[in-house]
Amino acid sequence: MEDLRHPGRDELRIESVIAALDHPIRLRVVRTLASAEREMTCTEILPDMTKSSASHHWKVLRENGIVEQRRDGRFLFQRLRRDDLDARFPGIIDAVIAPA
């Protein structure tokens, strides 16, 4: 199984976060997780997407510090790293999830 490395708070870079959020699927994921009151599985968030496409988006979000993933059996749970993102880049998540 792939190692689920997550960058530390001090490793988060604004240009990487913005680049990762510059895709409609990943933006939808962040908005979904921001409004969730619990961790969610990959298929709850992206139910109609192929596994390979979804895996790519999850990897981009994880490697750029936007989501934290946790394995539990065959499930992969996601949560938004809002505290870390708000600490490094105040207001970025509010700006991203705000209605257009």
C-alpha atoms as a PDB file:
ATOM      1  CA  MET A   1       0.000   0.000   0.000  1.00  0.00           C
ATOM      2  CA  GLU A   2       1.059   3.546  -0.711  1.00  0.00           C
ATOM      3  CA  ASP A   3       2.479   5.573   2.169  1.00  0.00           C
ATOM      4  CA  LEU A   4       0.065   8.380   3.013  1.00  0.00           C
ATOM      5  CA  ARG A   5       2.605  11.141   3.605  1.00  0.00           C
ATOM      6  CA  HIS A   6       1.159  14.458   4.631  1.00  0.00           C
ATOM      7  CA  PRO A   7       3.273  17.626   4.615  1.00  0.00           C
ATOM      8  CA  GLY A   8       3.675  19.383   7.938  1.00  0.00           C
ATOM      9  CA  ARG A   9       2.011  22.723   8.521  1.00  0.00           C
ATOM     10  CA  ASP A  10       5.308  24.550   8.004  1.00  0.00           C
ATOM     11  CA  GLU A  11       5.798  22.782   4.658  1.00  0.00           C
ATOM     12  CA  LEU A  12       2.571  24.151   3.136  1.00  0.00           C
ATOM     13  CA  ARG A  13       3.216  26.549   0.257  1.00  0.00           C
ATOM     14  CA  ILE A  14       0.597  28.988  -1.012  1.00  0.00           C
ATOM     15  CA  GLU A  15       1.494  28.473  -4.672  1.00  0.00           C
ATOM     16  CA  SER A  16       1.065  24.691  -4.317  1.00  0.00           C
ATOM     17  CA  VAL A  17      -2.247  25.053  -2.492  1.00  0.00           C
ATOM     18  CA  ILE A  18      -3.606  27.430  -5.123  1.00  0.00           C
ATOM     19  CA  ALA A  19      -2.423  25.184  -7.962  1.00  0.00           C
ATOM     20  CA  ALA A  20      -4.075  22.156  -6.328  1.00  0.00           C
ATOM     21  CA  LEU A  21      -7.351  24.056  -5.952  1.00  0.00           C
ATOM     22  CA  ASP A  22      -7.302  25.183  -9.580  1.00  0.00           C
ATOM     23  CA  HIS A  23      -9.435  22.266 -10.755  1.00  0.00           C
ATOM     24  CA  PRO A  24     -13.237  22.043 -10.524  1.00  0.00           C
ATOM     25  CA  ILE A  25     -13.219  18.511  -9.076  1.00  0.00           C
ATOM     26  CA  ARG A  26     -10.763  19.364  -6.316  1.00  0.00           C
ATOM     27  CA  LEU A  27     -12.615  22.584  -5.581  1.00  0.00           C
ATOM     28  CA  ARG A  28     -15.840  20.577  -5.241  1.00  0.00           C
ATOM     29  CA  VAL A  29     -14.065  18.173  -2.866  1.00  0.00           C
ATOM     30  CA  VAL A  30     -12.876  21.032  -0.649  1.00  0.00           C
ATOM     31  CA  ARG A  31     -16.341  22.586  -0.561  1.00  0.00           C
ATOM     32  CA  THR A  32     -17.879  19.225   0.326  1.00  0.00           C
ATOM     33  CA  LEU A  33     -15.382  18.546   3.101  1.00  0.00           C
ATOM     34  CA  ALA A  34     -15.676  22.094   4.453  1.00  0.00           C
ATOM     35  CA  SER A  35     -19.411  21.610   4.951  1.00  0.00           C
ATOM     36  CA  ALA A  36     -19.102  18.067   6.342  1.00  0.00           C
ATOM     37  CA  GLU A  37     -19.238  17.483  10.052  1.00  0.00           C
ATOM     38  CA  ARG A  38     -17.279  14.252   9.845  1.00  0.00           C
ATOM     39  CA  GLU A  39     -14.615  12.474   7.859  1.00  0.00           C
ATOM     40  CA  MET A  40     -15.867  11.148   4.556  1.00  0.00           C
ATOM     41  CA  THR A  41     -14.835   8.278   2.325  1.00  0.00           C
ATOM     42  CA  CYS A  42     -13.596   8.817  -1.200  1.00  0.00           C
ATOM     43  CA  THR A  43     -16.688   7.261  -2.738  1.00  0.00           C
ATOM     44  CA  GLU A  44     -19.025   9.423  -0.665  1.00  0.00           C
ATOM     45  CA  ILE A  45     -17.441  12.514  -2.164  1.00  0.00           C
ATOM     46  CA  LEU A  46     -16.714  11.319  -5.716  1.00  0.00           C
ATOM     47  CA  PRO A  47     -19.165   8.430  -6.251  1.00  0.00           C
ATOM     48  CA  ASP A  48     -19.268   8.504 -10.049  1.00  0.00           C
ATOM     49  CA  MET A  49     -15.571   8.953 -10.743  1.00  0.00           C
ATOM     50  CA  THR A  50     -13.253   6.158 -11.850  1.00  0.00           C
ATOM     51  CA  LYS A  51     -10.862   4.968  -9.198  1.00  0.00           C
ATOM     52  CA  SER A  52      -7.779   6.085 -11.142  1.00  0.00           C
ATOM     53  CA  SER A  53      -9.115   9.626 -11.694  1.00  0.00           C
ATOM     54  CA  ALA A  54     -10.247   9.958  -8.094  1.00  0.00           C
ATOM     55  CA  SER A  55      -6.883   8.666  -6.839  1.00  0.00           C
ATOM     56  CA  HIS A  56      -5.089  11.322  -8.827  1.00  0.00           C
ATOM     57  CA  HIS A  57      -7.202  14.121  -7.310  1.00  0.00           C
ATOM     58  CA  TRP A  58      -6.819  12.734  -3.776  1.00  0.00           C
ATOM     59  CA  LYS A  59      -3.047  12.510  -4.207  1.00  0.00           C
ATOM     60  CA  VAL A  60      -2.810  16.132  -5.378  1.00  0.00           C
ATOM     61  CA  LEU A  61      -4.930  17.320  -2.450  1.00  0.00           C
ATOM     62  CA  ARG A  62      -2.988  15.240   0.090  1.00  0.00           C
ATOM     63  CA  GLU A  63       0.502  16.062  -1.183  1.00  0.00           C
ATOM     64  CA  ASN A  64      -0.284  19.780  -1.128  1.00  0.00           C
ATOM     65  CA  GLY A  65      -1.595  19.691   2.434  1.00  0.00           C
ATOM     66  CA  ILE A  66      -5.257  20.304   1.718  1.00  0.00           C
ATOM     67  CA  VAL A  67      -6.653  17.006   2.966  1.00  0.00           C
ATOM     68  CA  GLU A  68      -5.577  14.427   5.485  1.00  0.00           C
ATOM     69  CA  GLN A  69      -6.285  10.811   4.646  1.00  0.00           C
ATOM     70  CA  ARG A  70      -6.698   7.948   7.102  1.00  0.00           C
ATOM     71  CA  ARG A  71      -7.007   4.271   6.235  1.00  0.00           C
ATOM     72  CA  ASP A  72      -9.459   2.086   8.087  1.00  0.00           C
ATOM     73  CA  GLY A  73      -9.615  -1.371   6.586  1.00  0.00           C
ATOM     74  CA  ARG A  74     -10.427  -1.018   2.906  1.00  0.00           C
ATOM     75  CA  PHE A  75     -11.760   2.516   3.341  1.00  0.00           C
ATOM     76  CA  LEU A  76      -9.835   5.741   2.969  1.00  0.00           C
ATOM     77  CA  PHE A  77     -11.271   8.587   5.004  1.00  0.00           C
ATOM     78  CA  GLN A  78     -10.722  12.242   4.122  1.00  0.00           C
ATOM     79  CA  ARG A  79     -10.829  15.396   6.167  1.00  0.00           C
ATOM     80  CA  LEU A  80     -10.012  18.963   5.263  1.00  0.00           C
ATOM     81  CA  ARG A  81      -6.901  20.308   6.992  1.00  0.00           C
ATOM     82  CA  ARG A  82      -8.699  23.537   7.719  1.00  0.00           C
ATOM     83  CA  ASP A  83      -6.824  24.375  10.937  1.00  0.00           C
ATOM     84  CA  ASP A  84      -3.454  24.027   9.221  1.00  0.00           C
ATOM     85  CA  LEU A  85      -4.553  25.948   6.139  1.00  0.00           C
ATOM     86  CA  ASP A  86      -6.133  28.732   8.205  1.00  0.00           C
ATOM     87  CA  ALA A  87      -3.003  29.016  10.345  1.00  0.00           C
ATOM     88  CA  ARG A  88      -0.693  29.302   7.334  1.00  0.00           C
ATOM     89  CA  PHE A  89      -2.991  31.227   4.972  1.00  0.00           C
ATOM     90  CA  PRO A  90      -5.774  32.945   6.942  1.00  0.00           C
ATOM     91  CA  GLY A  91      -9.026  33.152   5.033  1.00  0.00           C
ATOM     92  CA  ILE A  92      -8.042  30.930   2.109  1.00  0.00           C
ATOM     93  CA  ILE A  93     -10.670  28.255   2.768  1.00  0.00           C
ATOM     94  CA  ASP A  94     -13.392  30.844   3.373  1.00  0.00           C
ATOM     95  CA  ALA A  95     -12.487  32.455   0.050  1.00  0.00           C
ATOM     96  CA  VAL A  96     -12.561  29.103  -1.745  1.00  0.00           C
ATOM     97  CA  ILE A  97     -15.883  27.924  -0.348  1.00  0.00           C
ATOM     98  CA  ALA A  98     -17.661  31.288  -0.669  1.00  0.00           C
ATOM     99  CA  PRO A  99     -20.447  31.328  -3.262  1.00  0.00           C
ATOM    100  CA  ALA A 100     -19.366  32.780  -6.587  1.00  0.00           C
END
